[in-house]
Amino acid sequence: MSSTLIYQVVTSFIVGGCFIALLTLLAEKANEKVAGIIMMFPATIVLGYFFLGIATSAEKVAEIVPATLAPLGVVIFSSVIYITVAKAFSSIRRRVLRSVVTLAASSVLWFILVAPFAIWKINNLLLGTIGYIFFTVSAHYLLNKPSRTCDPVSVSYSRLQIALRALFMGTVIAMVVLMGKLLGPFWGGIFTMYPAVTFVALTTFQYYYPADQLYTFFKRAPLGSTTLFLYAISSMLLFPPLGTVLGTVISYLISLVYSLALIRVQKRYIK
């Protein structure tokens, strides 16, 4: 195992255990107009592009970005898959079993949907953008149907519960990164596209909340995903002239400003 891979796995564990866990806690406290935007803040995509640039070159990152855009849309659509499956298995009384069964079934359905992208590897900016828009718009429609209403449940956590959440998220995300690097080209490509943050966050939410309330955390996720799309396009354009490190910093700042502006607009102008 190379030192770069070790650094990537360790960093993924830390980011998953700290940053992603923090995002889920913030999303729970926020209203439904901004919760999904918070959940879509760039995290693992930043690590993925950065370590790819370190291991290969900044030009290589720019080259593969178009192939990641349609799978990014599938990642957003995966929230619809998970919540739909969660509702189907809501009759299972044991919370751990219910979460595990939902995660397993959702992963199988996601695999069926994403496998063609791993097989054909369509690396075209226009087709990738069309694929991203199709899956994202579909997810937005299904997550925001007028009938999606429920009585909200409020949950408070002990320090131990927060620590266990961080440990769970960090471990799953690090394992996905590791499998994506160690397995062959096909399975490696599959694991690279796995919606680890989305599924881990929803698994955590499902443990504490009824299935119908999961919609409230991801209603604005399709809109929030435009931050990820912007980061991808910024990386494609800025990595070659600026290099991996500076390209990452500038792309991240662009996404940060855009994400904060999006949250402000949602809070102030959207009812």
Protein backbone atom coordinates (compact mmCIF):
# COMPACT_ATOMS: atom_id res chain seq x y z
CA MET A 1 0.00 0.00 0.00
CA SER A 2 1.53 3.32 -1.08
CA SER A 3 2.01 6.23 1.31
CA THR A 4 -0.39 8.35 -0.79
CA LEU A 5 -3.15 5.77 -0.36
CA ILE A 6 -2.50 5.59 3.38
CA TYR A 7 -2.77 9.37 3.64
CA GLN A 8 -5.98 9.33 1.59
CA VAL A 9 -7.61 6.63 3.75
CA VAL A 10 -6.59 8.34 6.99
CA THR A 11 -7.73 11.73 5.73
CA SER A 12 -11.03 10.24 4.56
CA PHE A 13 -11.56 8.74 8.01
CA ILE A 14 -10.89 12.09 9.69
CA VAL A 15 -13.07 14.03 7.25
CA GLY A 16 -15.85 11.45 7.53
CA GLY A 17 -15.55 11.28 11.29
CA CYS A 18 -15.42 15.01 11.91
CA PHE A 19 -16.55 17.17 8.99
CA ILE A 20 -19.34 14.95 7.61
CA ALA A 21 -20.63 14.17 11.10
CA LEU A 22 -20.69 17.91 11.81
CA LEU A 23 -22.63 18.55 8.60
CA THR A 24 -25.30 16.02 9.60
CA LEU A 25 -25.66 17.67 13.02
CA LEU A 26 -25.99 21.10 11.41
CA ALA A 27 -28.52 19.76 8.89
CA GLU A 28 -30.65 18.36 11.69
CA LYS A 29 -30.79 21.76 13.41
CA ALA A 30 -31.47 23.68 10.18
CA ASN A 31 -34.85 24.07 8.50
CA GLU A 32 -35.70 22.08 5.41
CA LYS A 33 -34.91 25.01 3.10
CA VAL A 34 -31.17 24.73 3.78
CA ALA A 35 -30.60 21.28 5.34
CA GLY A 36 -29.99 19.61 1.98
CA ILE A 37 -27.63 22.37 0.88
CA ILE A 38 -25.57 21.84 4.02
CA MET A 39 -25.44 18.09 3.37
CA MET A 40 -24.08 18.67 -0.15
CA PHE A 41 -21.15 20.84 0.92
CA PRO A 42 -17.99 19.60 -0.89
CA ALA A 43 -16.00 17.09 1.14
CA THR A 44 -15.11 13.71 -0.34
CA ILE A 45 -15.03 15.09 -3.90
CA VAL A 46 -12.31 17.49 -2.76
CA LEU A 47 -10.23 14.64 -1.35
CA GLY A 48 -10.80 12.49 -4.42
CA TYR A 49 -9.63 15.11 -6.90
CA PHE A 50 -6.76 16.26 -4.68
CA PHE A 51 -5.22 12.83 -4.15
CA LEU A 52 -5.75 11.92 -7.81
CA GLY A 53 -3.85 15.07 -8.72
CA ILE A 54 -1.06 14.21 -6.29
CA ALA A 55 -0.81 10.61 -7.50
CA THR A 56 -0.99 11.48 -11.23
CA SER A 57 -1.19 15.09 -12.40
CA ALA A 58 -3.47 18.13 -12.36
CA GLU A 59 -4.11 17.56 -16.06
CA LYS A 60 -5.36 14.04 -15.33
CA VAL A 61 -7.95 15.41 -12.91
CA ALA A 62 -9.23 17.82 -15.56
CA GLU A 63 -9.36 14.94 -18.03
CA ILE A 64 -11.57 12.67 -15.87
CA VAL A 65 -13.99 15.32 -14.54
CA PRO A 66 -16.54 14.94 -17.42
CA ALA A 67 -16.80 11.21 -16.62
CA THR A 68 -17.78 12.02 -13.01
CA LEU A 69 -20.67 14.40 -13.73
CA ALA A 70 -23.44 11.90 -14.59
CA PRO A 71 -22.45 9.63 -11.64
CA LEU A 72 -22.65 12.77 -9.47
CA GLY A 73 -26.29 13.04 -10.51
CA VAL A 74 -26.76 9.38 -9.56
CA VAL A 75 -25.30 10.17 -6.13
CA ILE A 76 -28.00 12.81 -5.66
CA PHE A 77 -30.69 10.43 -6.90
CA SER A 78 -29.43 7.82 -4.42
CA SER A 79 -31.14 9.78 -1.65
CA VAL A 80 -34.48 9.02 -3.34
CA ILE A 81 -33.53 5.34 -3.55
CA TYR A 82 -32.61 5.14 0.13
CA ILE A 83 -35.66 6.99 1.44
CA THR A 84 -38.01 4.91 -0.72
CA VAL A 85 -36.44 1.69 0.55
CA ALA A 86 -36.53 3.03 4.14
CA LYS A 87 -40.28 3.54 3.85
CA ALA A 88 -40.69 0.00 2.50
CA PHE A 89 -38.85 -1.47 5.50
CA SER A 90 -40.28 0.89 8.12
CA SER A 91 -42.26 -1.98 9.69
CA ILE A 92 -39.03 -3.61 10.95
CA ARG A 93 -39.00 -2.76 14.65
CA ARG A 94 -35.32 -3.24 15.48
CA ARG A 95 -33.64 -0.01 14.46
CA VAL A 96 -30.20 -1.45 13.76
CA LEU A 97 -31.61 -4.27 11.62
CA ARG A 98 -33.90 -1.83 9.79
CA SER A 99 -30.97 0.47 8.98
CA VAL A 100 -28.71 -2.38 7.85
CA VAL A 101 -31.37 -3.94 5.60
CA THR A 102 -32.20 -0.54 4.09
CA LEU A 103 -28.54 0.25 3.43
CA ALA A 104 -27.93 -3.15 1.82
CA ALA A 105 -31.02 -2.99 -0.40
CA SER A 106 -30.31 0.62 -1.40
CA SER A 107 -26.72 -0.28 -2.30
CA VAL A 108 -27.92 -3.09 -4.58
CA LEU A 109 -30.38 -0.78 -6.37
CA TRP A 110 -27.71 1.92 -6.67
CA PHE A 111 -25.28 -0.62 -8.14
CA ILE A 112 -27.80 -1.60 -10.83
CA LEU A 113 -28.24 2.06 -11.73
CA VAL A 114 -24.56 3.03 -11.77
CA ALA A 115 -22.99 -0.10 -13.31
CA PRO A 116 -23.42 1.14 -16.92
CA PHE A 117 -21.33 4.21 -16.12
CA ALA A 118 -18.52 2.01 -14.79
CA ILE A 119 -18.69 -0.21 -17.88
CA TRP A 120 -18.89 2.41 -20.62
CA LYS A 121 -16.98 5.26 -18.89
CA ILE A 122 -18.55 8.04 -20.91
CA ASN A 123 -16.03 10.88 -20.74
CA ASN A 124 -17.91 13.66 -22.53
CA LEU A 125 -18.65 17.02 -20.93
CA LEU A 126 -21.99 17.56 -22.69
CA LEU A 127 -23.31 14.04 -22.06
CA GLY A 128 -22.05 14.14 -18.47
CA THR A 129 -23.82 17.44 -17.85
CA ILE A 130 -27.05 16.15 -19.40
CA GLY A 131 -26.88 13.04 -17.22
CA TYR A 132 -26.25 15.14 -14.11
CA ILE A 133 -29.20 17.43 -14.89
CA PHE A 134 -31.54 14.50 -15.61
CA PHE A 135 -30.85 12.66 -12.33
CA THR A 136 -30.77 15.85 -10.27
CA VAL A 137 -34.06 17.24 -11.63
CA SER A 138 -35.69 13.81 -11.15
CA ALA A 139 -34.46 13.69 -7.56
CA HIS A 140 -35.73 17.23 -6.90
CA TYR A 141 -39.19 16.36 -8.20
CA LEU A 142 -39.47 13.15 -6.16
CA LEU A 143 -38.09 14.70 -2.96
CA ASN A 144 -40.39 17.73 -3.12
CA LYS A 145 -43.79 16.24 -3.89
CA PRO A 146 -46.54 18.18 -2.05
CA SER A 147 -47.62 14.99 -0.25
CA ARG A 148 -44.25 14.76 1.59
CA THR A 149 -45.46 15.85 5.03
CA CYS A 150 -44.96 14.45 8.52
CA ASP A 151 -44.93 15.52 12.14
CA PRO A 152 -41.29 16.44 12.88
CA VAL A 153 -39.45 14.56 15.62
CA SER A 154 -36.79 16.35 17.68
CA VAL A 155 -33.76 14.36 18.85
CA SER A 156 -30.94 15.30 21.23
CA TYR A 157 -27.64 13.41 21.48
CA SER A 158 -25.17 12.58 24.20
CA ARG A 159 -21.43 13.06 23.63
CA LEU A 160 -21.06 9.29 23.29
CA GLN A 161 -23.71 9.15 20.56
CA ILE A 162 -21.97 11.95 18.66
CA ALA A 163 -18.62 10.18 19.01
CA LEU A 164 -20.10 6.89 17.77
CA ARG A 165 -21.66 8.71 14.81
CA ALA A 166 -18.29 10.20 13.90
CA LEU A 167 -16.60 6.80 14.23
CA PHE A 168 -19.24 5.09 12.08
CA MET A 169 -19.12 7.71 9.33
CA GLY A 170 -15.33 7.89 9.25
CA THR A 171 -14.97 4.11 9.09
CA VAL A 172 -17.48 3.61 6.26
CA ILE A 173 -16.09 6.43 4.11
CA ALA A 174 -12.48 5.29 4.65
CA MET A 175 -13.41 1.70 3.74
CA VAL A 176 -15.12 2.83 0.53
CA VAL A 177 -12.01 4.81 -0.45
CA LEU A 178 -9.77 1.82 0.33
CA MET A 179 -11.89 -0.63 -1.67
CA GLY A 180 -12.01 1.79 -4.58
CA LYS A 181 -8.20 1.76 -4.73
CA LEU A 182 -7.45 -1.91 -4.02
CA LEU A 183 -9.98 -3.66 -6.25
CA GLY A 184 -9.75 -4.11 -10.00
CA PRO A 185 -10.71 -1.46 -12.56
CA PHE A 186 -14.42 -2.35 -12.70
CA TRP A 187 -15.10 -2.70 -8.96
CA GLY A 188 -12.69 0.10 -8.20
CA GLY A 189 -14.70 2.36 -10.47
CA ILE A 190 -17.93 1.25 -8.80
CA PHE A 191 -16.64 1.99 -5.29
CA THR A 192 -15.30 5.34 -6.42
CA MET A 193 -18.86 6.35 -7.38
CA TYR A 194 -20.47 4.96 -4.20
CA PRO A 195 -22.61 7.64 -2.44
CA ALA A 196 -20.91 7.04 0.90
CA VAL A 197 -21.76 10.41 2.46
CA THR A 198 -25.41 10.28 1.38
CA PHE A 199 -26.01 6.69 2.48
CA VAL A 200 -24.10 7.02 5.76
CA ALA A 201 -25.96 10.22 6.63
CA LEU A 202 -29.35 8.68 5.80
CA THR A 203 -28.51 5.51 7.73
CA THR A 204 -27.75 7.66 10.76
CA PHE A 205 -30.92 9.72 10.35
CA GLN A 206 -33.02 6.58 9.85
CA TYR A 207 -31.87 5.21 13.19
CA TYR A 208 -33.40 8.18 15.01
CA TYR A 209 -36.18 9.48 12.76
CA PRO A 210 -39.26 8.05 10.99
CA ALA A 211 -38.78 7.38 7.28
CA ASP A 212 -41.07 10.22 6.18
CA GLN A 213 -38.95 12.79 8.00
CA LEU A 214 -35.88 11.82 5.98
CA TYR A 215 -37.33 13.87 3.13
CA THR A 216 -36.93 17.08 5.12
CA PHE A 217 -33.15 16.64 5.36
CA PHE A 218 -32.70 16.11 1.61
CA LYS A 219 -35.42 18.24 -0.02
CA ARG A 220 -32.84 20.81 -1.10
CA ALA A 221 -30.04 18.32 -1.73
CA PRO A 222 -30.50 18.45 -5.53
CA LEU A 223 -30.16 22.23 -5.39
CA GLY A 224 -27.21 21.92 -3.01
CA SER A 225 -25.53 19.50 -5.40
CA THR A 226 -24.92 22.38 -7.79
CA THR A 227 -22.12 23.28 -5.36
CA LEU A 228 -20.49 19.93 -6.12
CA PHE A 229 -21.04 20.43 -9.84
CA LEU A 230 -19.44 23.88 -9.61
CA TYR A 231 -16.46 22.43 -7.74
CA ALA A 232 -16.01 19.78 -10.43
CA ILE A 233 -16.11 22.31 -13.27
CA SER A 234 -13.82 24.71 -11.38
CA SER A 235 -11.33 21.90 -10.85
CA MET A 236 -11.43 20.96 -14.52
CA LEU A 237 -10.65 24.53 -15.53
CA LEU A 238 -8.24 25.57 -12.76
CA PHE A 239 -6.16 22.47 -12.00
CA PRO A 240 -4.12 22.50 -15.25
CA PRO A 241 -2.97 26.17 -15.03
CA LEU A 242 -2.71 26.44 -11.23
CA GLY A 243 -1.66 22.93 -10.17
CA THR A 244 -3.31 20.53 -7.75
CA VAL A 245 -2.80 22.40 -4.48
CA LEU A 246 -3.68 25.95 -5.58
CA GLY A 247 -6.39 24.61 -7.91
CA THR A 248 -7.97 22.82 -4.94
CA VAL A 249 -7.86 25.93 -2.75
CA ILE A 250 -9.36 28.28 -5.37
CA SER A 251 -12.03 25.76 -6.45
CA TYR A 252 -12.96 25.21 -2.81
CA LEU A 253 -13.25 28.95 -2.15
CA ILE A 254 -15.49 29.35 -5.21
CA SER A 255 -17.74 26.54 -3.96
CA LEU A 256 -17.75 27.95 -0.43
CA VAL A 257 -18.86 31.41 -1.56
CA TYR A 258 -21.52 29.90 -3.84
CA SER A 259 -22.83 27.57 -1.12
CA LEU A 260 -23.11 30.36 1.46
CA ALA A 261 -24.87 32.58 -1.09
CA LEU A 262 -27.28 29.74 -1.88
CA ILE A 263 -28.11 29.31 1.81
CA ARG A 264 -28.67 33.04 2.21
CA VAL A 265 -31.01 33.18 -0.78
CA GLN A 266 -32.98 30.18 0.48
CA LYS A 267 -33.37 31.72 3.94
CA ARG A 268 -34.28 35.22 2.79
CA TYR A 269 -36.27 34.82 -0.41
CA ILE A 270 -37.66 31.27 -0.59
CA LYS A 271 -40.84 30.52 1.35
